[in-house]
């Protein structure tokens, strides 16, 4: 599709109908926050394996009226009765990937309400109406979504309610087939009328607790009633005259900041873009930053180090000094410290910008649906570990480490890029590549998203998209990298809106690897 331009409003996300709903909100006088909430709700209907009311959300906002960048953490916590020792006693080495024990409190609905209360102009019920209507009347399933759905049929079949709500005669809906979600429509209408209280203190909470009890889970009404979203200070670094913003932990946002700060010490512009020298530096920077992620990332209330310490200039310089420009490292230790998801980019004509992300984590989350609600529960709890003494060890009423990381880049105090993507662990890698494409190489937002990507896996193993040159592959292998094949979905799916500083024109793009689009006016 290329770069889409507009002056009054822009929405970029993974589904065309959802982008259209967001743009309609903007064209009718709503602001970027209103549009983000309406788009997220719509995505939960159109792409139920990736996003929904059973998941978490995070947002970065540029508030035009005050000129500040704000961050909202709308993630949930583990049950008060969560106990890592109980898992270890069963001989488990990790929290299960599916089932009720992988579930944490869904935070998205509360986040919607808080965002609108602080910075919206429309009522929640009004913004949810399109999603309710499409859930009730049905929507034509896109080819790409149908393909992802088919790959998850076996997961859905393991839970009676999930199979009943999201399979048709035991199969995923086909491309072009009209799919209806009456239970979800009824639940969302309840949220529209009763707000977050209906979800966390009323009927939905009661049904979630009954579901948990039936499956041997640990949730009680207290877990839902005590949930709250939290405004937090964003973390940011300077990169070649730009300020790059991320959410603080428990998200992995600081990992992308570390990668960029390590790379800032090299003249990337003098290197061939996506050539072997360029890729080697990126991959090695990723290894150093992810060593920090594995060692330190956790609920910020449990972390033993501060984010500012992790991205400090002196520390990053030491990490850079430990990077070999000639050879691929197999293992990288964390440096010492001193002392399935969907993303939405929105810009409105009033100067507000929203970088918003919401997710169930893996496809259809935990695979558990709550009876009579149409709600699939996320499996974010799988991100906890069971290591005694680790800051991310499972514990009572605790946030787990999160892969979700909406990004924003400012220059001269004004946003110039709103960017994010689906893809779990690859998000920090791809977001860093996109930012470098824009800042270092002056690419348009479409070019930056379409450019081939790497995905470092572990050790010396790195996956490259097929478009990379043979010279790039052989050059990496000569440095000790093992180039391996990677599934197309492992390179993420990004959406972005760039803002031209001079004219203020919005330039939106959606990842050509996926099925979305940007719409502007």
Protein backbone atom coordinates (compact mmCIF):
# COMPACT_ATOMS: atom_id res chain seq x y z
CA UNK A 1 0.00 0.00 0.00
CA UNK A 2 2.91 2.37 0.65
CA UNK A 3 2.83 5.47 2.82
CA UNK A 4 -0.62 6.93 3.50
CA UNK A 5 -0.83 10.67 4.13
CA UNK A 6 -3.26 12.95 5.92
CA UNK A 7 -3.46 16.17 7.89
CA UNK A 8 -6.45 15.83 10.20
CA UNK A 9 -6.14 12.30 11.49
CA UNK A 10 -4.43 8.94 11.01
CA UNK A 11 -4.90 5.41 12.38
CA UNK A 12 -2.66 2.44 11.58
CA UNK A 13 -3.40 -1.07 12.83
CA UNK A 14 -3.59 -4.69 11.71
CA UNK A 15 -7.20 -4.76 10.43
CA UNK A 16 -8.72 -2.44 7.85
CA UNK A 17 -12.16 -2.35 9.45
CA UNK A 18 -10.61 -1.40 12.79
CA UNK A 19 -8.56 1.39 11.19
CA UNK A 20 -11.76 2.65 9.57
CA UNK A 21 -13.58 2.71 12.92
CA UNK A 22 -10.76 4.74 14.47
CA UNK A 23 -10.72 7.23 11.61
CA UNK A 24 -14.48 7.64 11.84
CA UNK A 25 -14.10 8.58 15.50
CA UNK A 26 -11.50 11.20 14.54
CA UNK A 27 -13.57 12.56 11.64
CA UNK A 28 -16.56 12.98 13.94
CA UNK A 29 -14.58 15.12 16.38
CA UNK A 30 -13.07 12.56 18.73
CA UNK A 31 -9.41 12.76 19.67
CA UNK A 32 -6.53 10.28 19.40
CA UNK A 33 -7.34 8.63 22.75
CA UNK A 34 -10.97 8.09 21.75
CA UNK A 35 -9.86 6.59 18.45
CA UNK A 36 -7.31 4.28 20.10
CA UNK A 37 -9.91 2.81 22.46
CA UNK A 38 -12.51 2.32 19.71
CA UNK A 39 -9.90 0.71 17.45
CA UNK A 40 -8.65 -1.62 20.19
CA UNK A 41 -12.18 -2.77 20.99
CA UNK A 42 -12.84 -3.41 17.32
CA UNK A 43 -9.60 -5.38 16.93
CA UNK A 44 -10.73 -7.65 19.77
CA UNK A 45 -13.67 -8.66 17.62
CA UNK A 46 -11.88 -8.92 14.27
CA UNK A 47 -8.69 -10.60 15.49
CA UNK A 48 -9.66 -12.53 18.63
CA UNK A 49 -6.53 -14.67 18.71
CA UNK A 50 -4.34 -11.59 19.25
CA UNK A 51 -6.25 -9.06 21.33
CA UNK A 52 -9.35 -8.82 23.49
CA UNK A 53 -10.93 -7.83 26.76
CA UNK A 54 -9.12 -10.72 28.46
CA UNK A 55 -5.70 -9.14 27.88
CA UNK A 56 -3.46 -6.29 29.03
CA UNK A 57 -2.72 -2.89 27.51
CA UNK A 58 -0.05 -0.18 27.59
CA UNK A 59 -0.10 3.32 26.14
CA UNK A 60 2.24 6.23 25.48
CA UNK A 61 0.50 9.57 24.95
CA UNK A 62 1.75 12.88 23.71
CA UNK A 63 -0.68 15.40 25.19
CA UNK A 64 -0.71 18.47 22.93
CA UNK A 65 -2.24 20.74 25.56
CA UNK A 66 0.65 20.28 27.99
CA UNK A 67 3.43 19.07 25.67
CA UNK A 68 4.15 16.08 27.90
CA UNK A 69 4.62 12.40 27.14
CA UNK A 70 2.60 10.21 29.53
CA UNK A 71 2.62 6.47 30.05
CA UNK A 72 -0.18 4.20 31.24
CA UNK A 73 0.44 0.69 32.53
CA UNK A 74 -2.84 -1.25 32.23
CA UNK A 75 -1.41 -4.67 32.99
CA UNK A 76 -2.78 -7.11 35.53
CA UNK A 77 -1.22 -9.07 38.35
CA UNK A 78 -1.05 -12.66 39.46
CA UNK A 79 -3.60 -13.97 41.98
CA UNK A 80 -2.92 -13.27 45.64
CA UNK A 81 -2.70 -17.03 46.14
CA UNK A 82 -0.05 -17.56 43.40
CA UNK A 83 2.74 -19.75 44.75
CA UNK A 84 5.94 -20.61 42.88
CA UNK A 85 6.82 -23.30 45.42
CA UNK A 86 3.64 -25.19 44.53
CA UNK A 87 4.76 -25.39 40.90
CA UNK A 88 8.26 -26.46 41.86
CA UNK A 89 6.80 -29.16 44.10
CA UNK A 90 5.12 -30.62 41.02
CA UNK A 91 8.49 -30.84 39.28
CA UNK A 92 7.74 -27.91 36.97
CA UNK A 93 10.54 -25.63 35.76
CA UNK A 94 8.29 -22.94 34.31
CA UNK A 95 4.77 -21.59 34.63
CA UNK A 96 2.52 -23.48 32.19
CA UNK A 97 2.06 -21.91 28.77
CA UNK A 98 -1.68 -22.59 28.64
CA UNK A 99 -4.52 -23.23 31.06
CA UNK A 100 -5.79 -21.29 34.05
CA UNK A 101 -2.39 -21.21 35.81
CA UNK A 102 -0.98 -19.07 32.98
CA UNK A 103 -3.63 -16.37 33.51
CA UNK A 104 -3.13 -12.99 35.15
CA UNK A 105 -5.82 -10.38 35.79
CA UNK A 106 -6.86 -8.78 32.47
CA UNK A 107 -6.00 -5.08 32.59
CA UNK A 108 -7.17 -3.66 29.26
CA UNK A 109 -10.76 -2.71 30.14
CA UNK A 110 -9.66 -0.71 33.16
CA UNK A 111 -7.01 0.94 31.01
CA UNK A 112 -9.63 2.04 28.47
CA UNK A 113 -11.65 3.69 31.20
CA UNK A 114 -8.67 5.48 32.75
CA UNK A 115 -7.42 6.75 29.38
CA UNK A 116 -10.83 8.19 28.53
CA UNK A 117 -11.37 9.69 31.97
CA UNK A 118 -8.05 11.53 31.85
CA UNK A 119 -7.68 12.43 28.17
CA UNK A 120 -10.68 11.31 26.14
CA UNK A 121 -13.64 13.30 24.87
CA UNK A 122 -16.14 10.50 24.21
CA UNK A 123 -18.01 8.07 26.47
CA UNK A 124 -16.81 4.47 26.63
CA UNK A 125 -20.22 3.16 25.60
CA UNK A 126 -20.23 5.26 22.43
CA UNK A 127 -16.75 4.06 21.45
CA UNK A 128 -17.57 0.39 22.01
CA UNK A 129 -20.71 0.49 19.87
CA UNK A 130 -19.03 -0.46 16.54
CA UNK A 131 -17.30 -3.44 18.16
CA UNK A 132 -20.55 -4.56 19.79
CA UNK A 133 -22.38 -4.29 16.47
CA UNK A 134 -19.75 -6.29 14.54
CA UNK A 135 -19.63 -8.98 17.25
CA UNK A 136 -23.41 -9.26 17.15
CA UNK A 137 -24.01 -9.08 13.40
CA UNK A 138 -20.77 -10.75 12.33
CA UNK A 139 -17.82 -9.78 10.16
CA UNK A 140 -16.07 -11.34 7.16
CA UNK A 141 -12.90 -13.07 8.34
CA UNK A 142 -9.81 -11.97 6.40
CA UNK A 143 -7.59 -14.54 4.71
CA UNK A 144 -4.58 -13.85 6.93
CA UNK A 145 -6.68 -14.02 10.12
CA UNK A 146 -8.31 -17.27 8.98
CA UNK A 147 -4.86 -18.78 8.43
CA UNK A 148 -3.73 -17.86 11.95
CA UNK A 149 -7.04 -19.14 13.37
CA UNK A 150 -6.63 -22.55 11.67
CA UNK A 151 -3.19 -22.95 13.23
CA UNK A 152 -4.79 -22.60 16.68
CA UNK A 153 -7.71 -25.01 16.31
CA UNK A 154 -6.14 -27.70 18.52
CA UNK A 155 -5.52 -25.18 21.28
CA UNK A 156 -9.15 -24.06 21.26
CA UNK A 157 -10.44 -27.64 21.27
CA UNK A 158 -8.81 -28.26 24.67
CA UNK A 159 -11.25 -25.90 26.39
CA UNK A 160 -14.98 -26.51 25.97
CA UNK A 161 -15.99 -22.85 26.20
CA UNK A 162 -13.21 -21.71 23.86
CA UNK A 163 -14.19 -24.29 21.26
CA UNK A 164 -17.86 -23.38 21.52
CA UNK A 165 -17.18 -19.67 21.15
CA UNK A 166 -14.41 -19.62 18.55
CA UNK A 167 -14.83 -22.69 16.33
CA UNK A 168 -17.57 -23.42 13.80
CA UNK A 169 -18.45 -27.12 13.76
CA UNK A 170 -15.03 -27.81 15.25
CA UNK A 171 -13.03 -25.73 12.78
CA UNK A 172 -11.76 -22.19 12.37
CA UNK A 173 -13.86 -19.89 10.15
CA UNK A 174 -12.63 -19.70 6.57
CA UNK A 175 -11.61 -16.62 4.63
CA UNK A 176 -14.69 -14.57 3.77
CA UNK A 177 -16.88 -16.47 6.19
CA UNK A 178 -19.07 -14.30 8.43
CA UNK A 179 -18.27 -14.95 12.08
CA UNK A 180 -20.52 -13.88 14.97
CA UNK A 181 -19.73 -13.56 18.68
CA UNK A 182 -23.03 -13.06 20.54
CA UNK A 183 -21.56 -13.76 23.99
CA UNK A 184 -18.79 -11.23 23.46
CA UNK A 185 -21.31 -8.68 22.18
CA UNK A 186 -23.38 -9.12 25.34
CA UNK A 187 -20.32 -8.74 27.57
CA UNK A 188 -19.10 -5.63 25.76
CA UNK A 189 -22.56 -4.10 25.97
CA UNK A 190 -22.38 -4.65 29.73
CA UNK A 191 -19.00 -2.89 29.81
CA UNK A 192 -20.43 -0.07 27.69
CA UNK A 193 -23.24 0.45 30.19
CA UNK A 194 -21.51 -0.36 33.47
CA UNK A 195 -17.89 0.55 32.76
CA UNK A 196 -14.93 -1.15 34.39
CA UNK A 197 -17.01 -1.89 37.51
CA UNK A 198 -19.10 -4.35 35.50
CA UNK A 199 -15.90 -6.15 34.53
CA UNK A 200 -13.91 -6.12 37.78
CA UNK A 201 -16.60 -6.08 40.46
CA UNK A 202 -19.70 -7.38 38.76
CA UNK A 203 -20.90 -10.14 36.47
CA UNK A 204 -17.71 -10.68 34.47
CA UNK A 205 -15.53 -10.94 37.58
CA UNK A 206 -17.90 -13.43 39.17
CA UNK A 207 -17.88 -15.61 36.06
CA UNK A 208 -14.08 -15.45 35.80
CA UNK A 209 -13.70 -16.57 39.42
CA UNK A 210 -16.17 -19.45 38.87
CA UNK A 211 -14.20 -20.48 35.77
CA UNK A 212 -10.96 -20.40 37.74
CA UNK A 213 -12.39 -22.45 40.58
CA UNK A 214 -13.75 -25.04 38.14
CA UNK A 215 -10.31 -25.44 36.52
CA UNK A 216 -8.35 -25.49 39.79
CA UNK A 217 -7.09 -21.92 39.54
CA UNK A 218 -6.36 -19.45 42.31
CA UNK A 219 -8.47 -16.38 41.42
CA UNK A 220 -10.81 -14.78 43.93
CA UNK A 221 -12.99 -11.69 43.72
CA UNK A 222 -10.31 -9.78 45.61
CA UNK A 223 -7.88 -10.25 42.70
CA UNK A 224 -10.28 -8.51 40.34
CA UNK A 225 -11.57 -5.88 42.77
CA UNK A 226 -8.04 -4.73 43.68
CA UNK A 227 -6.93 -4.27 40.08
CA UNK A 228 -5.90 -0.75 39.03
CA UNK A 229 -4.16 0.83 36.06
CA UNK A 230 -1.19 3.05 36.85
CA UNK A 231 0.22 6.21 35.32
CA UNK A 232 4.00 5.81 35.30
CA UNK A 233 6.96 7.91 34.23
CA UNK A 234 8.10 6.87 30.74
CA UNK A 235 11.75 5.94 30.31
CA UNK A 236 13.64 7.61 27.48
CA UNK A 237 17.08 8.11 25.98
CA UNK A 238 18.60 10.47 23.47
CA UNK A 239 19.49 8.88 20.13
CA UNK A 240 21.20 11.08 17.52
CA UNK A 241 19.26 14.18 18.52
CA UNK A 242 15.96 12.36 19.03
CA UNK A 243 14.26 11.36 22.28
CA UNK A 244 13.03 7.76 22.20
CA UNK A 245 10.31 6.92 24.74
CA UNK A 246 9.18 3.58 26.15
CA UNK A 247 7.15 2.27 29.09
CA UNK A 248 9.22 1.35 32.15
CA UNK A 249 9.25 -2.22 33.52
CA UNK A 250 7.50 -4.54 33.73
CA UNK A 251 7.68 -3.98 29.93
CA UNK A 252 10.83 -4.75 27.95
CA UNK A 253 10.95 -1.22 26.50
CA UNK A 254 14.32 -0.40 28.05
CA UNK A 255 15.84 -3.23 25.98
CA UNK A 256 15.23 -1.30 22.74
CA UNK A 257 16.70 1.81 24.38
CA UNK A 258 19.83 -0.10 25.35
CA UNK A 259 20.21 -1.44 21.82
CA UNK A 260 19.96 2.05 20.33
CA UNK A 261 22.39 3.56 22.84
CA UNK A 262 24.95 0.84 22.14
CA UNK A 263 24.59 1.43 18.40
CA UNK A 264 24.84 5.20 18.81
CA UNK A 265 28.55 4.71 19.33
CA UNK A 266 28.97 3.52 15.74
CA UNK A 267 28.63 5.41 12.47
CA UNK A 268 25.81 3.32 11.04
CA UNK A 269 25.35 5.70 8.09
CA UNK A 270 28.80 4.77 6.81
CA UNK A 271 27.83 1.11 6.63
CA UNK A 272 25.78 -0.63 3.96
CA UNK A 273 22.22 -0.80 5.25
CA UNK A 274 21.47 -4.45 6.13
CA UNK A 275 24.97 -5.44 5.04
CA UNK A 276 26.99 -7.88 7.14
CA UNK A 277 28.86 -5.21 9.16
CA UNK A 278 25.61 -3.39 9.96
CA UNK A 279 23.73 -6.56 10.91
CA UNK A 280 26.58 -7.85 13.06
CA UNK A 281 26.55 -4.70 15.22
CA UNK A 282 22.76 -4.87 15.61
CA UNK A 283 22.77 -8.54 16.52
CA UNK A 284 25.56 -8.18 19.08
CA UNK A 285 23.87 -5.10 20.61
CA UNK A 286 20.71 -7.17 20.92
CA UNK A 287 22.57 -9.93 22.79
CA UNK A 288 23.92 -7.49 25.38
CA UNK A 289 20.55 -5.79 25.88
CA UNK A 290 18.66 -9.08 26.17
CA UNK A 291 21.12 -10.34 28.76
CA UNK A 292 19.85 -7.47 30.89
CA UNK A 293 16.27 -8.40 30.09
CA UNK A 294 16.75 -11.97 31.29
CA UNK A 295 18.58 -10.89 34.45
CA UNK A 296 16.68 -7.83 35.59
CA UNK A 297 13.26 -7.42 33.91
CA UNK A 298 10.35 -7.87 36.31
CA UNK A 299 7.58 -6.03 38.10
CA UNK A 300 9.16 -2.64 38.78
CA UNK A 301 8.21 -3.05 42.46
CA UNK A 302 10.43 -6.14 42.60
CA UNK A 303 13.40 -4.98 40.54
CA UNK A 304 16.67 -4.47 42.35
CA UNK A 305 17.96 -1.91 39.81
CA UNK A 306 16.44 1.21 38.31
CA UNK A 307 15.75 1.73 34.63
CA UNK A 308 17.85 4.89 34.56
CA UNK A 309 20.78 2.84 35.83
CA UNK A 310 20.30 0.24 33.09
CA UNK A 311 20.38 2.81 30.26
CA UNK A 312 22.98 5.12 31.83
CA UNK A 313 25.65 6.48 29.47
CA UNK A 314 28.63 5.03 31.33
CA UNK A 315 27.08 1.60 31.65
CA UNK A 316 26.04 1.46 28.00
CA UNK A 317 29.54 2.51 27.00
CA UNK A 318 30.92 -0.42 29.02
CA UNK A 319 28.49 -2.77 27.25
CA UNK A 320 29.64 -1.38 23.90
CA UNK A 321 33.26 -1.95 24.85
CA UNK A 322 32.42 -5.60 25.52
CA UNK A 323 31.05 -6.04 22.01
CA UNK A 324 33.31 -7.62 19.42
CA UNK A 325 33.05 -6.02 16.00
CA UNK A 326 34.69 -9.08 14.43
CA UNK A 327 33.05 -12.15 15.95
CA UNK A 328 29.62 -13.35 17.12
CA UNK A 329 29.26 -14.03 20.84
CA UNK A 330 27.58 -17.29 21.86
CA UNK A 331 26.68 -16.13 25.36
CA UNK A 332 26.57 -12.67 26.90
CA UNK A 333 26.33 -12.03 30.62
CA UNK A 334 24.33 -9.13 32.03
CA UNK A 335 26.58 -6.18 32.72
CA UNK A 336 26.90 -5.06 36.36
CA UNK A 337 24.78 -2.11 37.45
CA UNK A 338 26.22 0.72 39.52
CA UNK A 339 25.12 1.15 43.26
CA UNK A 340 0.09 -12.53 19.79
CA UNK A 341 -0.56 -8.80 20.42
CA UNK A 342 -1.81 -5.89 18.35
CA UNK A 343 -0.50 -2.36 18.10
CA UNK A 344 -2.30 0.87 17.19
CA UNK A 345 -0.72 4.18 16.14
CA UNK A 346 -3.01 7.24 16.20
CA UNK A 347 -2.53 10.94 15.50
CA UNK A 348 -5.20 13.64 15.56
CA UNK A 349 -5.37 17.15 14.15
CA UNK A 350 -5.16 18.70 17.62
CA UNK A 351 -1.58 17.52 18.09
CA UNK A 352 -2.29 14.48 20.28
CA UNK A 353 -0.48 11.22 19.55
CA UNK A 354 -1.19 7.77 20.98
CA UNK A 355 1.04 4.70 20.86
CA UNK A 356 -1.19 1.88 22.12
CA UNK A 357 -0.70 -1.85 22.44
CA UNK A 358 -2.99 -4.59 23.75
CA UNK A 359 -2.56 -8.34 23.73
CA UNK A 360 -3.54 -11.83 24.85
CA UNK A 361 0.18 -12.77 24.48
CA UNK A 362 0.25 -16.06 22.53
CA UNK A 363 -2.46 -16.95 20.03
CA UNK A 364 -5.79 -17.14 21.92
CA UNK A 365 -3.83 -16.55 25.14
CA UNK A 366 -4.26 -19.26 27.74
CA UNK A 367 -6.79 -21.08 25.57
CA UNK A 368 -9.31 -20.62 28.40
CA UNK A 369 -12.62 -18.90 27.67
CA UNK A 370 -14.93 -17.73 30.45
CA UNK A 371 -18.38 -19.24 30.04
CA UNK A 372 -21.12 -17.00 28.60
CA UNK A 373 -18.75 -14.02 28.15
CA UNK A 374 -16.97 -14.64 24.84
CA UNK A 375 -13.76 -13.66 26.67
CA UNK A 376 -10.48 -15.49 26.11
CA UNK A 377 -8.05 -15.03 29.01
CA UNK A 378 -4.45 -14.01 28.40
CA UNK A 379 -1.49 -16.26 29.29
CA UNK A 380 0.85 -13.51 30.47
CA UNK A 381 1.60 -15.49 33.63
CA UNK A 382 3.77 -17.81 31.53
CA UNK A 383 6.31 -14.96 31.50
CA UNK A 384 6.99 -15.45 35.22
CA UNK A 385 9.84 -17.78 36.13
CA UNK A 386 10.13 -20.12 39.12
CA UNK A 387 13.73 -19.26 40.04
CA UNK A 388 14.09 -18.59 43.76
CA UNK A 389 15.36 -15.04 44.35
CA UNK A 390 14.87 -13.85 40.76
CA UNK A 391 12.94 -10.55 40.59
CA UNK A 392 10.56 -12.08 38.02
CA UNK A 393 9.78 -15.17 40.08
CA UNK A 394 6.05 -15.88 40.39
CA UNK A 395 4.58 -14.42 43.55
CA UNK A 396 1.31 -13.11 45.00
CA UNK A 397 -0.32 -10.02 43.38
CA UNK A 398 2.64 -9.38 41.13
CA UNK A 399 3.14 -8.15 37.56
CA UNK A 400 5.09 -10.46 35.27
CA UNK A 401 7.74 -9.39 32.79
CA UNK A 402 6.00 -8.05 29.68
CA UNK A 403 6.95 -8.04 26.01
CA UNK A 404 4.48 -5.25 25.12
CA UNK A 405 6.27 -1.98 24.32
CA UNK A 406 4.59 0.91 22.49
CA UNK A 407 7.22 3.38 21.26
CA UNK A 408 7.41 7.08 20.49
CA UNK A 409 10.21 9.21 19.03
CA UNK A 410 10.34 12.98 19.55
CA UNK A 411 12.58 15.70 18.18
CA UNK A 412 12.64 19.22 19.52
CA UNK A 413 9.91 18.26 21.98
CA UNK A 414 7.46 17.17 19.25
CA UNK A 415 6.60 13.58 18.26
CA UNK A 416 7.98 12.55 14.87
CA UNK A 417 7.25 8.82 15.01
CA UNK A 418 4.70 6.63 16.81
CA UNK A 419 5.63 2.98 16.36
CA UNK A 420 5.07 -0.49 17.71
CA UNK A 421 4.41 -4.07 16.70
CA UNK A 422 3.17 -7.52 17.57
CA UNK A 423 5.67 -10.32 17.92
CA UNK A 424 6.50 -11.00 21.56
CA UNK A 425 10.24 -11.20 22.12
CA UNK A 426 11.07 -9.79 18.67
CA UNK A 427 9.44 -6.44 19.45
CA UNK A 428 12.56 -4.76 20.87
CA UNK A 429 14.70 -5.98 17.97
CA UNK A 430 12.32 -4.86 15.24
CA UNK A 431 11.42 -1.55 16.83
CA UNK A 432 15.12 -0.69 17.07
CA UNK A 433 15.62 -1.62 13.40
CA UNK A 434 12.68 0.56 12.34
CA UNK A 435 13.89 3.57 14.36
CA UNK A 436 17.38 3.26 12.89
CA UNK A 437 15.87 3.00 9.40
CA UNK A 438 14.09 6.32 9.94
CA UNK A 439 16.66 8.24 11.98
CA UNK A 440 19.93 6.97 10.48
CA UNK A 441 18.89 6.33 6.89
CA UNK A 442 16.05 8.79 6.36
CA UNK A 443 13.58 6.17 5.15
CA UNK A 444 9.89 6.91 4.77
CA UNK A 445 7.73 5.17 7.32
CA UNK A 446 6.61 2.61 4.72
CA UNK A 447 10.21 1.91 3.66
CA UNK A 448 11.24 1.53 7.30
CA UNK A 449 8.52 -1.05 7.95
CA UNK A 450 9.02 -2.93 4.68
CA UNK A 451 12.82 -3.28 4.96
CA UNK A 452 14.07 -6.85 5.61
CA UNK A 453 14.54 -7.80 9.27
CA UNK A 454 16.69 -10.09 11.35
CA UNK A 455 15.52 -11.95 14.43
CA UNK A 456 18.28 -13.11 16.73
CA UNK A 457 17.14 -16.30 18.44
CA UNK A 458 19.81 -17.49 20.87
CA UNK A 459 23.54 -18.06 20.98
CA UNK A 460 24.92 -17.56 17.48
CA UNK A 461 21.61 -18.44 15.79
CA UNK A 462 20.01 -15.62 13.82
CA UNK A 463 17.10 -15.74 11.43
CA UNK A 464 17.01 -13.51 8.35
CA UNK A 465 14.15 -12.72 6.00
CA UNK A 466 14.67 -14.05 2.45
CA UNK A 467 15.29 -10.58 0.97
CA UNK A 468 18.77 -10.26 2.49
CA UNK A 469 21.63 -10.52 0.02
CA UNK A 470 23.88 -13.53 -0.26
CA UNK A 471 26.82 -11.31 0.68
CA UNK A 472 25.08 -10.34 3.94
CA UNK A 473 24.49 -13.99 4.79
CA UNK A 474 28.04 -15.10 3.98
CA UNK A 475 29.48 -12.08 5.77
CA UNK A 476 27.59 -12.98 8.96
CA UNK A 477 28.62 -16.62 8.73
CA UNK A 478 32.25 -15.53 8.36
CA UNK A 479 31.89 -13.75 11.73
CA UNK A 480 30.60 -16.88 13.45
CA UNK A 481 26.86 -16.33 13.17
CA UNK A 482 24.67 -19.32 12.32
CA UNK A 483 22.02 -18.16 9.85
CA UNK A 484 18.91 -20.31 10.27
CA UNK A 485 15.46 -20.29 8.72
CA UNK A 486 12.60 -18.48 10.42
CA UNK A 487 8.82 -18.58 10.05
CA UNK A 488 7.34 -15.47 8.40
CA UNK A 489 5.38 -14.63 11.56
CA UNK A 490 8.57 -14.53 13.65
CA UNK A 491 9.55 -11.12 12.25
CA UNK A 492 6.64 -9.23 13.80
CA UNK A 493 3.93 -7.02 12.39
CA UNK A 494 4.43 -3.27 12.85
CA UNK A 495 2.28 -0.17 12.45
CA UNK A 496 3.51 3.40 12.56
CA UNK A 497 2.63 7.03 12.00
CA UNK A 498 5.37 9.55 11.23
CA UNK A 499 4.78 13.28 11.53
CA UNK A 500 6.58 15.66 9.17
CA UNK A 501 8.03 18.40 11.43
CA UNK A 502 7.67 21.20 8.90
CA UNK A 503 4.19 20.64 7.52
CA UNK A 504 2.67 18.52 10.27
CA UNK A 505 1.51 16.02 7.67
CA UNK A 506 0.83 12.51 8.97
CA UNK A 507 2.46 9.60 7.14
CA UNK A 508 1.08 6.23 8.14
CA UNK A 509 2.06 2.69 7.23
CA UNK A 510 1.09 -0.84 8.16
CA UNK A 511 3.42 -3.82 7.90
CA UNK A 512 3.25 -5.46 4.46
CA UNK A 513 3.87 -8.78 6.22
CA UNK A 514 0.40 -8.60 7.79
CA UNK A 515 -3.15 -7.74 6.85
CA UNK A 516 -3.58 -4.21 8.20
CA UNK A 517 -3.60 -0.70 6.83
CA UNK A 518 -3.20 2.95 7.69
CA UNK A 519 -6.09 5.31 6.98
CA UNK A 520 -5.78 9.09 7.08
CA UNK A 521 -7.80 12.09 6.08
